Amino acid sequence: MAGYYWHSIEKIKMPDGIRAGIDKDGGYLYVGRAFHNGDLLPAKVVPNHHCAYVAWGGKEHKKIEYEILCKRSCTVIWEQAKDGAVPPGAIPVGFTSDDEKLYVGRVFHDGTQTPGKVHPSHGVCYIPYGGSEIGFSSYEVLILQ
């Protein structure tokens, strides 16, 4: 049995989710995933907005239907990486319609610590922020042990 699991947001309480960062208003951000245009994308879950956001096609997309990553019996580690690299132990949390694996990353941006998607073939971690998809070549990657 894995040390983590996915649940739709209606079925859990937010403290069960894995925290990924902090928003500008001081609220916690959580690791999620949601479908968009045939891709299953890592998502930024924002409890204060009652939704999640994904980065895709240069824009930030709001999602009402999503899952949140919860920990059962694992340790959460964020490991530094860059240029599309994914450290050993990172778990794929999504995929593109071409079956490329996607991972959860996070970056510091504009006073926030924001999660997004590590897209290895693009060499960056994209975050959904302020209506846009913003790419960063240096980021942290979620590892669950």
Protein backbone atom coordinates (compact mmCIF):
# COMPACT_ATOMS: atom_id res chain seq x y z
CA MET A 1 0.00 0.00 0.00
CA ALA A 2 1.41 3.38 -1.02
CA GLY A 3 2.17 6.00 1.61
CA TYR A 4 -0.06 8.47 -0.25
CA TYR A 5 -3.43 8.54 -2.01
CA TRP A 6 -5.62 10.79 -4.17
CA HIS A 7 -9.08 11.95 -3.17
CA SER A 8 -11.65 14.23 -4.72
CA ILE A 9 -11.91 17.35 -2.61
CA GLU A 10 -15.51 16.73 -1.55
CA LYS A 11 -14.47 13.60 0.36
CA ILE A 12 -11.67 14.93 2.56
CA LYS A 13 -10.78 17.76 4.85
CA MET A 14 -8.03 20.05 3.62
CA PRO A 15 -5.57 19.33 6.48
CA ASP A 16 -5.23 15.78 5.06
CA GLY A 17 -3.71 17.21 1.89
CA ILE A 18 -0.01 17.72 1.23
CA ARG A 19 0.93 21.37 1.59
CA ALA A 20 2.96 22.80 -1.25
CA GLY A 21 3.26 26.47 -0.41
CA ILE A 22 1.74 29.73 0.72
CA ASP A 23 -0.34 32.22 -1.25
CA LYS A 24 -0.02 36.02 -1.09
CA ASP A 25 -2.89 36.21 1.39
CA GLY A 26 -1.07 33.81 3.73
CA GLY A 27 -3.33 30.84 2.93
CA TYR A 28 -1.85 27.40 2.34
CA LEU A 29 -1.58 25.93 -1.15
CA TYR A 30 -1.88 22.17 -1.66
CA VAL A 31 -0.81 19.57 -4.23
CA GLY A 32 -3.57 18.53 -6.58
CA ARG A 33 -4.25 17.32 -10.09
CA ALA A 34 -6.96 17.93 -12.66
CA PHE A 35 -7.77 17.08 -16.26
CA HIS A 36 -7.41 19.73 -18.95
CA ASN A 37 -7.46 19.25 -22.73
CA GLY A 38 -6.63 15.53 -22.53
CA ASP A 39 -3.80 15.99 -20.02
CA LEU A 40 -3.84 15.08 -16.31
CA LEU A 41 -1.98 18.05 -14.84
CA PRO A 42 -0.43 18.79 -11.45
CA ALA A 43 -2.53 21.53 -9.86
CA LYS A 44 -2.30 24.32 -7.32
CA VAL A 45 -5.16 23.79 -4.87
CA VAL A 46 -6.32 27.06 -3.28
CA PRO A 47 -8.82 26.41 -0.46
CA ASN A 48 -9.60 30.14 -0.11
CA HIS A 49 -10.83 30.12 -3.75
CA HIS A 50 -12.63 26.73 -3.45
CA CYS A 51 -10.85 25.48 -6.58
CA ALA A 52 -7.59 24.39 -8.14
CA TYR A 53 -5.56 25.95 -10.95
CA VAL A 54 -3.50 24.29 -13.67
CA ALA A 55 -0.94 25.73 -16.08
CA TRP A 56 -1.49 24.89 -19.74
CA GLY A 57 -0.99 26.63 -23.08
CA GLY A 58 0.41 29.84 -21.60
CA LYS A 59 -2.55 30.40 -19.26
CA GLU A 60 -3.80 29.62 -15.76
CA HIS A 61 -7.02 27.54 -15.86
CA LYS A 62 -9.48 27.31 -12.95
CA LYS A 63 -10.75 23.81 -12.08
CA ILE A 64 -13.74 22.97 -9.93
CA GLU A 65 -13.28 19.19 -10.32
CA TYR A 66 -9.90 18.02 -9.05
CA GLU A 67 -8.13 15.64 -6.71
CA ILE A 68 -5.85 16.46 -3.81
CA LEU A 69 -2.77 14.45 -2.84
CA CYS A 70 -2.96 13.14 0.73
CA LYS A 71 -0.33 11.42 2.81
CA ARG A 72 -0.99 8.19 4.61
CA SER A 73 2.42 7.13 5.91
CA CYS A 74 5.10 8.89 3.88
CA THR A 75 7.60 11.65 4.42
CA VAL A 76 7.31 14.74 2.21
CA ILE A 77 10.58 16.11 0.81
CA TRP A 78 11.14 18.93 -1.67
CA GLU A 79 14.41 18.52 -3.60
CA GLN A 80 16.08 21.21 -5.71
CA ALA A 81 16.29 20.55 -9.48
CA LYS A 82 16.59 22.47 -12.75
CA ASP A 83 16.27 22.34 -16.52
CA GLY A 84 13.53 19.65 -16.57
CA ALA A 85 15.40 17.22 -14.34
CA VAL A 86 13.46 15.07 -11.91
CA PRO A 87 15.28 13.60 -8.87
CA PRO A 88 15.12 9.87 -8.09
CA GLY A 89 12.05 9.10 -5.98
CA ALA A 90 9.80 11.73 -7.56
CA ILE A 91 6.36 10.32 -8.30
CA PRO A 92 4.56 11.12 -11.53
CA VAL A 93 1.25 12.79 -10.69
CA GLY A 94 0.03 13.36 -14.20
CA PHE A 95 0.68 12.91 -17.89
CA THR A 96 0.27 14.61 -21.23
CA SER A 97 -1.94 13.29 -24.03
CA ASP A 98 1.36 12.01 -25.55
CA ASP A 99 2.02 9.97 -22.35
CA GLU A 100 4.84 12.13 -21.02
CA LYS A 101 4.97 11.92 -17.22
CA LEU A 102 4.48 15.14 -15.26
CA TYR A 103 5.68 15.86 -11.72
CA VAL A 104 4.90 18.37 -8.98
CA GLY A 105 7.32 21.23 -8.63
CA ARG A 106 7.24 24.52 -6.75
CA VAL A 107 8.95 27.89 -6.93
CA PHE A 108 9.11 31.17 -5.04
CA HIS A 109 7.40 33.87 -7.09
CA ASP A 110 5.98 37.29 -6.24
CA GLY A 111 5.89 36.68 -2.49
CA THR A 112 4.39 33.20 -2.82
CA GLN A 113 5.60 29.63 -2.77
CA THR A 114 3.58 28.20 -5.66
CA PRO A 115 3.24 24.61 -6.89
CA GLY A 116 3.04 23.69 -10.54
CA LYS A 117 4.03 21.06 -13.08
CA VAL A 118 7.51 19.89 -13.96
CA HIS A 119 7.40 19.22 -17.69
CA PRO A 120 10.70 17.40 -18.38
CA SER A 121 10.69 17.76 -22.19
CA HIS A 122 10.16 21.54 -21.84
CA GLY A 123 13.01 21.85 -19.31
CA VAL A 124 10.97 23.86 -16.80
CA CYS A 125 8.48 23.92 -13.97
CA TYR A 126 5.35 25.81 -15.02
CA ILE A 127 3.20 27.47 -12.38
CA PRO A 128 -0.32 28.81 -12.78
CA TYR A 129 -0.18 32.39 -11.53
CA GLY A 130 -2.12 35.59 -12.15
CA GLY A 131 -3.91 34.20 -15.19
CA SER A 132 -0.70 33.02 -16.87
CA GLU A 133 1.47 29.93 -17.15
CA ILE A 134 4.96 30.97 -16.03
CA GLY A 135 8.03 28.76 -16.57
CA PHE A 136 11.05 28.50 -14.25
CA SER A 137 14.27 26.63 -15.03
CA SER A 138 15.11 26.21 -11.32
CA TYR A 139 12.55 24.66 -8.94
CA GLU A 140 11.92 22.10 -6.19
CA VAL A 141 10.39 18.68 -6.93
CA LEU A 142 8.07 16.74 -4.61
CA ILE A 143 9.48 13.44 -3.33
CA LEU A 144 7.41 11.10 -1.16
CA GLN A 145 9.33 8.51 0.88
